[in-house]
N, C-alpha and C. Protein backbone atom coordinates (compact mmCIF):
# COMPACT_ATOMS: atom_id res chain seq x y z
N MET A 1 6.82 26.96 -2.52
CA MET A 1 7.76 26.74 -3.22
C MET A 1 8.88 27.87 -3.18
N SER A 2 10.02 27.58 -2.95
CA SER A 2 11.09 28.65 -2.89
C SER A 2 11.91 28.94 -4.06
N LEU A 3 12.32 30.08 -4.09
CA LEU A 3 13.08 30.63 -5.29
C LEU A 3 14.32 29.73 -5.51
N THR A 4 14.48 29.27 -6.68
CA THR A 4 15.47 28.23 -7.00
C THR A 4 16.33 28.68 -8.40
N PHE A 5 17.58 28.67 -8.28
CA PHE A 5 18.47 28.91 -9.41
C PHE A 5 19.15 27.65 -9.80
N ARG A 6 19.10 27.31 -11.11
CA ARG A 6 19.68 26.04 -11.61
C ARG A 6 20.55 26.43 -12.62
N GLU A 7 21.87 26.14 -12.46
CA GLU A 7 22.86 26.46 -13.48
C GLU A 7 22.64 25.81 -14.85
N LEU A 8 22.78 26.71 -15.87
CA LEU A 8 22.48 26.20 -17.25
C LEU A 8 23.82 25.95 -18.04
N HIS A 9 24.85 26.64 -17.45
CA HIS A 9 26.16 26.52 -18.27
C HIS A 9 27.17 26.76 -17.18
N PRO A 10 28.40 26.18 -17.42
CA PRO A 10 29.36 26.23 -16.29
C PRO A 10 29.87 27.71 -16.13
N ALA A 11 29.78 28.52 -17.24
CA ALA A 11 30.28 29.80 -17.22
C ALA A 11 29.29 30.81 -16.66
N PHE A 12 27.94 30.71 -17.16
CA PHE A 12 26.90 31.66 -16.97
C PHE A 12 25.61 31.09 -17.20
N ALA A 13 24.51 31.83 -16.93
CA ALA A 13 23.16 31.53 -17.14
C ALA A 13 22.55 30.60 -16.23
N ALA A 14 21.25 30.93 -15.69
CA ALA A 14 20.62 29.90 -14.71
C ALA A 14 19.21 29.96 -15.03
N GLU A 15 18.47 28.93 -14.76
CA GLU A 15 17.02 28.88 -14.82
C GLU A 15 16.48 29.17 -13.48
N VAL A 16 15.42 30.04 -13.37
CA VAL A 16 14.78 30.44 -12.00
C VAL A 16 13.45 29.85 -11.93
N THR A 17 13.20 29.14 -10.81
CA THR A 17 11.83 28.65 -10.61
C THR A 17 11.43 28.99 -9.27
N GLY A 18 10.04 28.67 -8.90
CA GLY A 18 9.55 29.03 -7.62
C GLY A 18 9.10 30.50 -7.51
N ILE A 19 8.66 31.12 -8.58
CA ILE A 19 8.17 32.41 -8.56
C ILE A 19 7.17 32.70 -9.73
N ASP A 20 6.20 33.43 -9.49
CA ASP A 20 5.17 33.80 -10.48
C ASP A 20 5.31 35.28 -10.70
N LEU A 21 5.75 35.56 -12.06
CA LEU A 21 6.05 36.93 -12.32
C LEU A 21 4.82 37.78 -12.58
N THR A 22 3.74 37.22 -12.66
CA THR A 22 2.44 37.88 -12.76
C THR A 22 1.95 38.58 -11.60
N ARG A 23 2.62 38.30 -10.41
CA ARG A 23 2.11 38.90 -9.09
C ARG A 23 3.14 39.66 -8.67
N PRO A 24 2.83 40.66 -7.63
CA PRO A 24 3.57 41.49 -6.89
C PRO A 24 4.75 40.71 -6.16
N ILE A 25 5.92 41.21 -6.38
CA ILE A 25 7.06 40.54 -5.78
C ILE A 25 7.75 41.27 -4.62
N ALA A 26 8.03 40.41 -3.49
CA ALA A 26 8.62 41.07 -2.24
C ALA A 26 10.07 41.42 -2.54
N LYS A 27 10.31 42.48 -1.85
CA LYS A 27 11.64 43.12 -1.88
C LYS A 27 12.82 42.06 -1.69
N ASP A 28 12.72 41.17 -0.86
CA ASP A 28 13.75 40.21 -0.62
C ASP A 28 13.93 39.21 -1.89
N ILE A 29 12.82 39.03 -2.57
CA ILE A 29 12.78 38.24 -3.82
C ILE A 29 13.66 38.97 -4.91
N ILE A 30 13.20 40.24 -5.02
CA ILE A 30 13.89 41.12 -5.93
C ILE A 30 15.37 41.21 -5.68
N ALA A 31 15.84 41.39 -4.52
CA ALA A 31 17.21 41.31 -4.19
C ALA A 31 17.80 40.04 -4.53
N ALA A 32 17.16 38.87 -4.28
CA ALA A 32 17.73 37.59 -4.58
C ALA A 32 17.85 37.43 -6.18
N ILE A 33 16.88 38.05 -6.94
CA ILE A 33 16.98 38.07 -8.37
C ILE A 33 18.20 38.84 -8.97
N GLU A 34 18.42 39.99 -8.25
CA GLU A 34 19.52 40.88 -8.65
C GLU A 34 20.93 40.09 -8.24
N ALA A 35 20.85 39.53 -7.25
CA ALA A 35 22.08 38.65 -6.78
C ALA A 35 22.22 37.54 -7.77
N GLY A 36 21.25 36.96 -8.21
CA GLY A 36 21.30 35.94 -9.26
C GLY A 36 21.89 36.50 -10.57
N MET A 37 21.43 37.69 -10.91
CA MET A 37 22.00 38.34 -12.19
C MET A 37 23.45 38.69 -11.86
N ASP A 38 23.77 39.09 -10.75
CA ASP A 38 25.32 39.36 -10.48
C ASP A 38 26.10 38.15 -10.64
N GLU A 39 25.62 36.97 -10.22
CA GLU A 39 26.38 35.72 -10.38
C GLU A 39 26.37 35.16 -11.76
N HIS A 40 25.07 35.05 -12.28
CA HIS A 40 24.90 34.19 -13.62
C HIS A 40 24.80 35.09 -14.77
N ALA A 41 24.63 36.32 -14.73
CA ALA A 41 24.55 37.27 -15.94
C ALA A 41 23.32 37.10 -16.80
N VAL A 42 22.71 35.90 -17.04
CA VAL A 42 21.48 35.63 -17.80
C VAL A 42 20.62 34.72 -16.84
N LEU A 43 19.48 35.16 -16.66
CA LEU A 43 18.40 34.29 -16.01
C LEU A 43 17.27 33.98 -16.87
N VAL A 44 16.70 32.77 -16.84
CA VAL A 44 15.68 32.25 -17.57
C VAL A 44 14.44 32.02 -16.62
N PHE A 45 13.28 32.51 -16.89
CA PHE A 45 12.14 32.23 -16.14
C PHE A 45 11.16 31.44 -17.04
N PRO A 46 11.12 30.15 -16.88
CA PRO A 46 10.38 29.28 -17.91
C PRO A 46 8.84 29.35 -17.49
N GLY A 47 8.00 29.12 -18.43
CA GLY A 47 6.55 29.03 -18.28
C GLY A 47 5.86 30.24 -17.78
N GLN A 48 6.46 31.41 -17.93
CA GLN A 48 5.74 32.62 -17.41
C GLN A 48 4.77 33.12 -18.57
N LYS A 49 3.63 33.25 -18.25
CA LYS A 49 2.57 33.73 -19.12
C LYS A 49 2.22 35.26 -18.92
N LEU A 50 3.18 36.14 -19.34
CA LEU A 50 2.92 37.62 -19.06
C LEU A 50 2.12 38.42 -20.03
N ALA A 51 1.12 39.19 -19.54
CA ALA A 51 0.64 40.30 -20.31
C ALA A 51 1.62 41.49 -20.30
N ASP A 52 1.54 42.41 -21.22
CA ASP A 52 2.44 43.54 -21.45
C ASP A 52 2.49 44.19 -20.02
N GLU A 53 1.34 44.59 -19.34
CA GLU A 53 1.38 45.32 -18.20
C GLU A 53 2.02 44.60 -17.03
N GLN A 54 1.96 43.27 -16.95
CA GLN A 54 2.55 42.38 -16.00
C GLN A 54 4.12 42.51 -16.24
N GLN A 55 4.58 42.42 -17.42
CA GLN A 55 5.94 42.43 -17.69
C GLN A 55 6.57 43.90 -17.23
N ILE A 56 5.89 44.92 -17.67
CA ILE A 56 6.25 46.26 -17.28
C ILE A 56 6.40 46.36 -15.65
N ASP A 57 5.35 45.84 -15.12
CA ASP A 57 5.27 45.93 -13.54
C ASP A 57 6.48 45.24 -12.99
N PHE A 58 6.81 44.02 -13.51
CA PHE A 58 8.04 43.24 -13.12
C PHE A 58 9.31 44.03 -13.32
N THR A 59 9.34 44.60 -14.50
CA THR A 59 10.58 45.33 -15.00
C THR A 59 10.81 46.50 -14.10
N ARG A 60 9.77 47.21 -13.63
CA ARG A 60 9.93 48.38 -12.72
C ARG A 60 10.62 48.11 -11.37
N ASN A 61 10.61 46.81 -11.04
CA ASN A 61 11.26 46.49 -9.75
C ASN A 61 12.85 46.67 -9.94
N PHE A 62 13.40 46.90 -11.10
CA PHE A 62 14.84 47.06 -11.26
C PHE A 62 15.26 48.37 -11.80
N GLY A 63 14.36 49.43 -11.91
CA GLY A 63 14.80 50.60 -12.31
C GLY A 63 13.76 51.24 -13.17
N GLU A 64 14.23 52.39 -13.84
CA GLU A 64 13.33 53.10 -14.87
C GLU A 64 13.35 52.41 -16.28
N LEU A 65 12.27 52.64 -16.83
CA LEU A 65 12.31 52.01 -18.29
C LEU A 65 12.97 52.96 -19.22
N GLU A 66 13.58 52.50 -20.22
CA GLU A 66 14.00 53.26 -21.29
C GLU A 66 12.76 53.61 -22.18
N GLY A 67 12.69 54.79 -22.81
CA GLY A 67 11.64 55.20 -23.50
C GLY A 67 11.87 55.61 -24.94
N TYR A 68 10.76 55.65 -25.69
CA TYR A 68 10.88 55.97 -27.13
C TYR A 68 11.29 57.47 -27.52
N ASN A 69 11.23 58.22 -26.38
CA ASN A 69 11.73 59.68 -26.45
C ASN A 69 13.21 59.77 -26.58
N THR A 70 13.90 58.75 -26.18
CA THR A 70 15.42 58.77 -26.14
C THR A 70 15.88 58.24 -27.55
N PRO A 71 17.01 58.73 -28.04
CA PRO A 71 17.51 58.25 -29.24
C PRO A 71 17.65 56.75 -29.33
N GLY A 72 17.44 56.27 -30.47
CA GLY A 72 17.48 54.69 -30.57
C GLY A 72 16.50 53.95 -31.26
N HIS A 73 15.53 54.63 -31.85
CA HIS A 73 14.46 54.20 -32.57
C HIS A 73 14.09 55.07 -33.82
N ILE A 74 13.81 54.43 -34.80
CA ILE A 74 13.32 55.15 -35.98
C ILE A 74 11.81 54.96 -35.94
N ARG A 75 11.34 53.75 -35.42
CA ARG A 75 9.95 53.53 -35.32
C ARG A 75 9.31 54.24 -34.27
N LYS A 76 8.38 55.12 -34.56
CA LYS A 76 7.73 55.98 -33.49
C LYS A 76 6.78 55.26 -32.76
N GLN A 77 6.52 55.72 -31.39
CA GLN A 77 5.53 54.85 -30.60
C GLN A 77 4.16 54.96 -31.17
N THR A 78 3.90 55.88 -31.95
CA THR A 78 2.50 55.84 -32.55
C THR A 78 2.42 54.75 -33.73
N ASP A 79 3.52 54.31 -34.13
CA ASP A 79 3.57 53.30 -35.33
C ASP A 79 3.68 51.78 -34.66
N SER A 80 3.74 51.78 -33.32
CA SER A 80 4.01 50.53 -32.74
C SER A 80 2.67 49.91 -32.33
N ARG A 81 2.59 48.42 -32.41
CA ARG A 81 1.39 47.78 -31.95
C ARG A 81 1.36 47.60 -30.45
N LEU A 82 2.48 47.95 -29.84
CA LEU A 82 2.57 47.80 -28.37
C LEU A 82 2.54 49.12 -27.69
N GLY A 83 2.10 49.17 -26.51
CA GLY A 83 1.89 50.36 -25.68
C GLY A 83 3.18 50.86 -25.18
N PRO A 84 3.18 52.03 -24.44
CA PRO A 84 4.51 52.62 -23.84
C PRO A 84 5.20 51.64 -23.07
N GLY A 85 6.43 51.65 -23.04
CA GLY A 85 7.24 50.80 -22.14
C GLY A 85 7.74 49.48 -22.83
N MET A 86 7.13 49.25 -23.92
CA MET A 86 7.52 47.98 -24.57
C MET A 86 7.96 48.17 -25.91
N ALA A 87 9.16 47.51 -26.39
CA ALA A 87 9.77 47.56 -27.57
C ALA A 87 9.54 46.24 -28.29
N ASP A 88 9.02 46.34 -29.53
CA ASP A 88 8.62 45.38 -30.39
C ASP A 88 9.71 44.79 -31.37
N PHE A 89 10.04 43.65 -31.11
CA PHE A 89 11.24 43.04 -31.92
C PHE A 89 10.60 42.13 -32.92
N SER A 90 9.41 42.18 -33.14
CA SER A 90 8.86 41.25 -34.19
C SER A 90 9.01 41.86 -35.54
N ASN A 91 8.47 41.30 -36.67
CA ASN A 91 8.40 41.81 -38.00
C ASN A 91 6.95 42.06 -38.29
N LEU A 92 6.22 42.67 -37.39
CA LEU A 92 4.84 42.99 -37.55
C LEU A 92 4.69 44.51 -37.47
N ASP A 93 3.78 45.09 -38.30
CA ASP A 93 3.56 46.58 -38.22
C ASP A 93 2.55 46.71 -37.10
N LYS A 94 1.88 47.94 -36.99
CA LYS A 94 1.05 48.26 -35.88
C LYS A 94 -0.36 47.61 -35.91
N THR A 95 -0.57 47.24 -37.35
CA THR A 95 -1.86 46.42 -37.54
C THR A 95 -1.70 45.01 -37.36
N GLY A 96 -0.53 44.55 -37.01
CA GLY A 96 -0.26 43.10 -36.91
C GLY A 96 0.06 42.41 -38.20
N THR A 97 0.17 43.25 -39.32
CA THR A 97 0.52 42.69 -40.59
C THR A 97 2.10 42.48 -40.74
N ILE A 98 2.64 41.49 -41.40
CA ILE A 98 3.91 41.35 -41.56
C ILE A 98 4.50 42.40 -42.29
N MET A 99 5.57 42.99 -42.11
CA MET A 99 6.19 44.33 -42.62
C MET A 99 6.70 43.84 -44.04
N SER A 100 6.59 44.74 -44.99
CA SER A 100 7.11 44.53 -46.24
C SER A 100 8.72 44.68 -46.12
N ASP A 101 9.45 44.03 -46.95
CA ASP A 101 10.97 44.10 -46.94
C ASP A 101 11.34 45.38 -47.55
N GLN A 102 10.32 46.15 -48.05
CA GLN A 102 10.65 47.58 -48.55
C GLN A 102 10.40 48.63 -47.44
N ASP A 103 9.97 48.14 -46.33
CA ASP A 103 9.71 49.02 -45.19
C ASP A 103 10.97 49.54 -44.60
N ARG A 104 11.11 50.75 -44.41
CA ARG A 104 12.38 51.40 -43.81
C ARG A 104 12.61 50.86 -42.43
N VAL A 105 11.64 50.66 -41.58
CA VAL A 105 11.78 50.03 -40.27
C VAL A 105 12.15 48.61 -40.34
N TRP A 106 11.72 47.98 -41.27
CA TRP A 106 12.03 46.39 -41.35
C TRP A 106 13.58 46.38 -41.71
N PHE A 107 14.11 47.22 -42.66
CA PHE A 107 15.50 47.29 -43.12
C PHE A 107 16.33 47.63 -41.78
N PHE A 108 15.86 48.67 -41.12
CA PHE A 108 16.62 49.10 -39.88
C PHE A 108 16.79 47.98 -38.86
N LYS A 109 15.61 47.31 -38.68
CA LYS A 109 15.55 46.34 -37.58
C LYS A 109 16.58 45.03 -37.97
N LEU A 110 16.90 44.87 -39.14
CA LEU A 110 17.81 43.87 -39.42
C LEU A 110 19.05 43.97 -38.69
N GLY A 111 19.45 45.19 -38.30
CA GLY A 111 20.54 45.38 -37.48
C GLY A 111 20.57 44.77 -36.04
N ASP A 112 19.24 44.42 -35.58
CA ASP A 112 19.10 43.59 -34.26
C ASP A 112 19.73 42.29 -34.28
N ARG A 113 19.83 41.63 -35.52
CA ARG A 113 20.42 40.32 -35.63
C ARG A 113 21.80 40.38 -35.55
N LEU A 114 22.54 41.52 -35.50
CA LEU A 114 23.99 41.48 -35.32
C LEU A 114 24.24 41.28 -33.90
N TRP A 115 25.54 40.82 -33.53
CA TRP A 115 25.77 40.61 -32.12
C TRP A 115 25.96 41.94 -31.42
N HIS A 116 25.29 42.11 -30.31
CA HIS A 116 25.43 43.50 -29.73
C HIS A 116 25.13 43.37 -28.32
N SER A 117 25.43 44.60 -27.57
CA SER A 117 25.06 44.77 -26.17
C SER A 117 23.90 45.75 -26.12
N ASP A 118 22.74 45.46 -25.53
CA ASP A 118 21.62 46.45 -25.80
C ASP A 118 22.00 47.77 -25.18
N SER A 119 21.55 48.76 -25.93
CA SER A 119 21.59 50.25 -25.57
C SER A 119 23.08 50.70 -25.33
N SER A 120 24.16 49.97 -25.76
CA SER A 120 25.48 50.49 -25.59
C SER A 120 25.72 51.82 -26.36
N PHE A 121 24.83 52.22 -27.16
CA PHE A 121 24.95 53.40 -27.94
C PHE A 121 24.20 54.59 -27.02
N ARG A 122 23.75 54.29 -25.86
CA ARG A 122 23.14 55.42 -25.09
C ARG A 122 24.21 55.97 -23.96
N PRO A 123 24.17 57.04 -23.56
CA PRO A 123 25.12 57.63 -22.47
C PRO A 123 25.08 56.83 -21.20
N VAL A 124 23.88 56.13 -20.90
CA VAL A 124 23.72 55.29 -19.84
C VAL A 124 23.13 53.98 -20.35
N PRO A 125 24.01 53.04 -20.64
CA PRO A 125 23.51 51.85 -21.24
C PRO A 125 22.43 51.08 -20.19
N ALA A 126 21.68 50.25 -20.85
CA ALA A 126 20.65 49.50 -20.14
C ALA A 126 21.32 48.63 -18.93
N LYS A 127 20.64 48.69 -17.82
CA LYS A 127 20.98 47.70 -16.73
C LYS A 127 20.71 46.34 -17.05
N TYR A 128 19.56 46.05 -17.44
CA TYR A 128 19.14 44.70 -17.77
C TYR A 128 18.18 44.82 -19.10
N SER A 129 18.17 43.69 -19.86
CA SER A 129 17.07 43.50 -20.90
C SER A 129 16.13 42.47 -20.53
N LEU A 130 14.91 42.74 -20.52
CA LEU A 130 13.85 41.83 -20.11
C LEU A 130 13.06 41.39 -21.29
N LEU A 131 13.36 40.20 -21.80
CA LEU A 131 12.66 39.61 -23.00
C LEU A 131 11.61 38.72 -22.82
N SER A 132 10.55 38.56 -23.44
CA SER A 132 9.52 37.63 -23.39
C SER A 132 9.00 37.26 -24.89
N GLY A 133 9.09 36.00 -25.13
CA GLY A 133 8.58 35.57 -26.35
C GLY A 133 7.16 35.05 -26.24
N ARG A 134 6.33 35.86 -27.09
CA ARG A 134 4.84 35.65 -26.96
C ARG A 134 4.37 34.65 -28.10
N ILE A 135 4.96 34.90 -29.37
CA ILE A 135 4.62 33.87 -30.46
C ILE A 135 6.03 33.44 -30.97
N ILE A 136 6.36 32.15 -30.74
CA ILE A 136 7.59 31.74 -31.12
C ILE A 136 7.55 30.89 -32.47
N PRO A 137 8.58 31.21 -33.32
CA PRO A 137 8.68 30.49 -34.65
C PRO A 137 8.93 28.96 -34.33
N SER A 138 8.40 28.28 -35.33
CA SER A 138 8.54 26.74 -35.08
C SER A 138 9.92 26.29 -35.30
N TRP A 139 10.88 27.00 -35.86
CA TRP A 139 12.24 26.64 -35.90
C TRP A 139 13.03 27.94 -36.07
N GLY A 140 14.31 27.93 -35.63
CA GLY A 140 15.28 29.01 -35.80
C GLY A 140 14.93 30.22 -34.81
N ALA A 141 15.46 31.40 -35.08
CA ALA A 141 15.20 32.59 -34.48
C ALA A 141 15.57 32.51 -32.96
N ASN A 142 16.53 31.79 -32.58
CA ASN A 142 16.92 31.71 -31.18
C ASN A 142 17.75 32.97 -30.84
N THR A 143 17.44 33.45 -29.61
CA THR A 143 18.24 34.60 -28.92
C THR A 143 19.43 34.00 -28.29
N GLU A 144 20.66 34.26 -28.69
CA GLU A 144 21.91 33.66 -28.11
C GLU A 144 22.54 34.70 -27.26
N PHE A 145 23.30 34.22 -26.29
CA PHE A 145 24.03 35.14 -25.36
C PHE A 145 25.46 34.66 -25.19
N ALA A 146 26.28 35.51 -24.89
CA ALA A 146 27.75 35.40 -24.67
C ALA A 146 28.15 35.87 -23.23
N ASP A 147 28.93 35.23 -22.55
CA ASP A 147 29.38 35.73 -21.29
C ASP A 147 30.80 36.59 -21.59
N MET A 148 30.71 37.95 -21.43
CA MET A 148 31.87 38.75 -21.74
C MET A 148 32.78 38.78 -20.58
N ARG A 149 32.33 38.38 -19.45
CA ARG A 149 33.19 38.21 -18.32
C ARG A 149 34.26 37.05 -18.64
N ALA A 150 33.59 35.98 -19.10
CA ALA A 150 34.52 34.69 -19.36
C ALA A 150 35.40 35.17 -20.67
N ALA A 151 34.92 36.06 -21.41
CA ALA A 151 35.77 36.36 -22.61
C ALA A 151 36.96 37.23 -22.17
N TYR A 152 36.73 38.04 -21.19
CA TYR A 152 37.95 38.87 -20.73
C TYR A 152 38.84 37.85 -19.95
N ASP A 153 38.27 37.02 -19.06
CA ASP A 153 39.03 36.05 -18.26
C ASP A 153 40.06 35.16 -19.15
N ALA A 154 39.55 35.02 -20.48
CA ALA A 154 40.30 34.08 -21.41
C ALA A 154 41.44 34.84 -22.10
N LEU A 155 41.56 36.11 -21.92
CA LEU A 155 42.55 36.88 -22.61
C LEU A 155 43.88 36.63 -21.84
N ASP A 156 44.93 36.59 -22.61
CA ASP A 156 46.34 36.63 -21.94
C ASP A 156 46.61 37.81 -21.28
N ALA A 157 47.60 37.73 -20.40
CA ALA A 157 47.98 39.07 -19.55
C ALA A 157 48.42 40.21 -20.43
N ARG A 158 49.02 39.87 -21.59
CA ARG A 158 49.51 41.04 -22.49
C ARG A 158 48.40 41.80 -23.06
N THR A 159 47.37 41.00 -23.57
CA THR A 159 46.21 41.48 -24.27
C THR A 159 45.31 42.41 -23.14
N LYS A 160 45.23 41.84 -22.02
CA LYS A 160 44.44 42.47 -20.93
C LYS A 160 45.09 43.83 -20.71
N ALA A 161 46.49 43.90 -20.61
CA ALA A 161 47.23 45.07 -20.38
C ALA A 161 46.90 46.09 -21.59
N GLU A 162 46.79 45.56 -22.84
CA GLU A 162 46.72 46.42 -23.95
C GLU A 162 45.27 47.06 -24.07
N VAL A 163 44.33 46.23 -23.63
CA VAL A 163 42.86 46.79 -23.68
C VAL A 163 42.47 47.58 -22.50
N GLU A 164 43.20 47.53 -21.44
CA GLU A 164 42.72 48.03 -20.16
C GLU A 164 42.19 49.49 -20.14
N ASP A 165 42.83 50.41 -20.91
CA ASP A 165 42.40 51.80 -20.86
C ASP A 165 41.72 52.17 -22.25
N LEU A 166 41.34 51.34 -23.19
CA LEU A 166 40.77 51.65 -24.36
C LEU A 166 39.36 52.07 -24.29
N THR A 167 38.93 53.02 -25.11
CA THR A 167 37.53 53.37 -25.12
C THR A 167 37.13 53.21 -26.61
N CYS A 168 35.67 52.78 -26.75
CA CYS A 168 35.06 52.63 -27.96
C CYS A 168 34.00 53.59 -28.13
N GLU A 169 33.73 54.00 -29.36
CA GLU A 169 32.73 54.80 -29.83
C GLU A 169 31.57 53.84 -30.32
N HIS A 170 30.37 54.01 -29.74
CA HIS A 170 29.24 53.14 -30.05
C HIS A 170 28.06 54.13 -30.66
N SER A 171 27.45 53.57 -31.81
CA SER A 171 26.57 54.49 -32.45
C SER A 171 25.58 53.43 -33.23
N LEU A 172 24.24 53.64 -33.40
CA LEU A 172 23.44 52.95 -34.22
C LEU A 172 23.80 53.18 -35.69
N THR A 173 24.49 54.26 -35.99
CA THR A 173 25.06 54.40 -37.31
C THR A 173 26.03 53.38 -37.75
N PHE A 174 26.94 53.00 -36.83
CA PHE A 174 27.77 51.90 -37.14
C PHE A 174 27.15 50.58 -37.48
N SER A 175 26.25 50.17 -36.63
CA SER A 175 25.67 48.83 -36.84
C SER A 175 24.73 48.85 -37.91
N ARG A 176 24.03 49.94 -38.21
CA ARG A 176 23.03 50.00 -39.40
C ARG A 176 23.91 50.13 -40.71
N GLU A 177 25.00 50.87 -40.68
CA GLU A 177 25.80 50.83 -42.01
C GLU A 177 26.32 49.50 -42.41
N ALA A 178 26.61 48.60 -41.25
CA ALA A 178 27.17 47.28 -41.38
C ALA A 178 26.17 46.51 -42.17
N ILE A 179 24.91 46.68 -42.05
CA ILE A 179 23.94 45.82 -42.96
C ILE A 179 23.55 46.66 -44.17
N GLY A 180 24.10 47.81 -44.51
CA GLY A 180 23.85 48.47 -45.67
C GLY A 180 22.77 49.55 -45.56
N PHE A 181 22.35 49.84 -44.24
CA PHE A 181 21.29 50.86 -43.96
C PHE A 181 22.02 52.11 -43.92
N THR A 182 21.93 53.05 -44.89
CA THR A 182 22.47 54.38 -44.77
C THR A 182 21.61 55.48 -45.01
N ASP A 183 20.25 55.15 -44.89
CA ASP A 183 19.11 56.16 -45.24
C ASP A 183 18.77 56.73 -43.80
N LEU A 184 19.65 57.46 -43.17
CA LEU A 184 19.36 58.13 -42.04
C LEU A 184 19.02 59.63 -42.28
N THR A 185 18.16 60.17 -41.61
CA THR A 185 17.87 61.54 -41.83
C THR A 185 18.96 62.34 -41.05
N PRO A 186 19.03 63.67 -41.41
CA PRO A 186 20.16 64.48 -40.53
C PRO A 186 19.56 64.48 -39.08
N GLU A 187 18.41 64.56 -38.75
CA GLU A 187 18.04 64.34 -37.38
C GLU A 187 18.40 63.17 -36.88
N GLU A 188 18.31 62.06 -37.45
CA GLU A 188 18.74 60.77 -36.85
C GLU A 188 20.19 60.65 -36.65
N ARG A 189 20.92 61.18 -37.61
CA ARG A 189 22.46 61.19 -37.37
C ARG A 189 22.85 61.99 -36.24
N VAL A 190 22.21 63.11 -36.01
CA VAL A 190 22.39 63.85 -34.69
C VAL A 190 22.02 63.01 -33.49
N ALA A 191 20.98 62.33 -33.55
CA ALA A 191 20.46 61.57 -32.43
C ALA A 191 21.43 60.33 -32.04
N PHE A 192 22.00 59.82 -33.30
CA PHE A 192 22.71 58.53 -33.11
C PHE A 192 24.21 58.93 -33.16
N ARG A 193 24.55 60.16 -32.64
CA ARG A 193 26.01 60.57 -32.72
C ARG A 193 26.79 59.58 -31.58
N PRO A 194 27.94 59.28 -31.93
CA PRO A 194 28.68 58.31 -31.09
C PRO A 194 28.83 58.71 -29.71
N ILE A 195 28.65 57.54 -28.84
CA ILE A 195 28.88 57.66 -27.40
C ILE A 195 30.11 56.82 -27.07
N ARG A 196 30.94 57.31 -26.04
CA ARG A 196 32.13 56.78 -25.79
C ARG A 196 31.88 55.82 -24.53
N GLN A 197 32.33 54.53 -24.70
CA GLN A 197 32.10 53.49 -23.46
C GLN A 197 33.54 52.90 -23.29
N ARG A 198 33.90 52.68 -22.08
CA ARG A 198 35.16 51.85 -21.87
C ARG A 198 35.02 50.37 -22.41
N LEU A 199 36.15 49.99 -23.02
CA LEU A 199 36.07 48.68 -23.48
C LEU A 199 36.17 47.49 -22.44
N VAL A 200 36.76 47.85 -21.18
CA VAL A 200 36.81 46.95 -20.11
C VAL A 200 35.87 47.56 -19.03
N ARG A 201 34.95 46.90 -18.49
CA ARG A 201 34.21 47.39 -17.42
C ARG A 201 34.28 46.43 -16.18
N THR A 202 34.20 47.01 -15.03
CA THR A 202 34.30 46.18 -13.77
C THR A 202 32.85 46.29 -13.20
N HIS A 203 32.43 45.12 -12.81
CA HIS A 203 30.96 45.04 -12.12
C HIS A 203 31.13 45.68 -10.73
N PRO A 204 30.24 46.61 -10.28
CA PRO A 204 30.43 47.32 -9.26
C PRO A 204 30.13 46.32 -7.97
N VAL A 205 29.44 45.16 -8.14
CA VAL A 205 29.32 44.28 -6.99
C VAL A 205 30.31 43.16 -6.81
N THR A 206 30.44 42.39 -7.92
CA THR A 206 31.31 41.28 -7.97
C THR A 206 32.78 41.63 -8.25
N GLY A 207 32.94 42.84 -8.70
CA GLY A 207 34.42 43.18 -9.12
C GLY A 207 34.95 42.52 -10.32
N ARG A 208 34.00 41.54 -10.91
CA ARG A 208 34.45 40.86 -12.25
C ARG A 208 34.69 41.96 -13.45
N ARG A 209 35.65 41.71 -14.24
CA ARG A 209 35.70 42.55 -15.34
C ARG A 209 35.22 41.86 -16.70
N SER A 210 34.79 42.59 -17.59
CA SER A 210 34.15 42.09 -18.82
C SER A 210 34.54 42.92 -19.97
N LEU A 211 34.38 42.49 -21.06
CA LEU A 211 34.61 43.29 -22.30
C LEU A 211 33.19 43.69 -22.80
N PHE A 212 33.11 45.09 -23.15
CA PHE A 212 31.95 45.70 -23.51
C PHE A 212 32.11 45.87 -25.00
N LEU A 213 31.61 44.90 -25.74
CA LEU A 213 31.88 44.84 -27.27
C LEU A 213 30.32 44.93 -27.86
N SER A 214 30.22 45.36 -29.09
CA SER A 214 28.86 45.40 -29.68
C SER A 214 29.07 45.79 -31.06
N ALA A 215 28.05 45.36 -31.94
CA ALA A 215 27.99 45.76 -33.38
C ALA A 215 27.86 47.27 -33.43
N HIS A 216 27.38 47.90 -32.30
CA HIS A 216 27.37 49.41 -32.36
C HIS A 216 28.73 50.15 -32.18
N ALA A 217 29.80 49.30 -31.89
CA ALA A 217 31.07 49.87 -31.67
C ALA A 217 31.81 50.07 -33.03
N GLY A 218 32.13 51.27 -33.50
CA GLY A 218 32.64 51.33 -34.75
C GLY A 218 34.18 51.83 -34.75
N THR A 219 34.66 52.46 -33.57
CA THR A 219 36.08 52.89 -33.66
C THR A 219 36.44 52.67 -32.08
N ILE A 220 37.88 52.50 -32.02
CA ILE A 220 38.45 52.45 -30.66
C ILE A 220 39.38 53.55 -30.56
């Protein structure tokens, strides 16, 4: 069975079949996946039953992993139920118990529900985000995506000219204060100092422009 991309939406997103992500993947297939990302921006791999180690192995085909040693987490690796290289977006603590709504980490993680671009608050934002749902709620909790290339294309010429050279400051401080979380330590405020990112970015392969917006963006 060959690698197949099926368009899910006229603007972006495709479903990928004909691949087993639990096994080593040839370089030409990796190149095809990257080309698919360049074209579709979001890829869905249905029916993949991945262990943590298998997901990490697949992820490493596309670059280095972000780590907990870089600014962006108040939950320490030692407090996570997952091993190195994996970020936990559940509401469970390291013992697998549902977090209390009085837990500082639980409050902080509420900011993940805001519309955002992953790691826009880092000097080098993430190239890709690779998500896998292991235990899915019976209703709700959908992860939604937007095509910021299409958003840019929809702007009128005057607005495109206005935003062309603008720069935004991105910080976890902005997104967490938006949900009322202000309990940051002095060390965390230093770690979350604002990072400047261009508002309009150009894709290095396709040349398409997109808007780089996020709940982490506090000022322009």
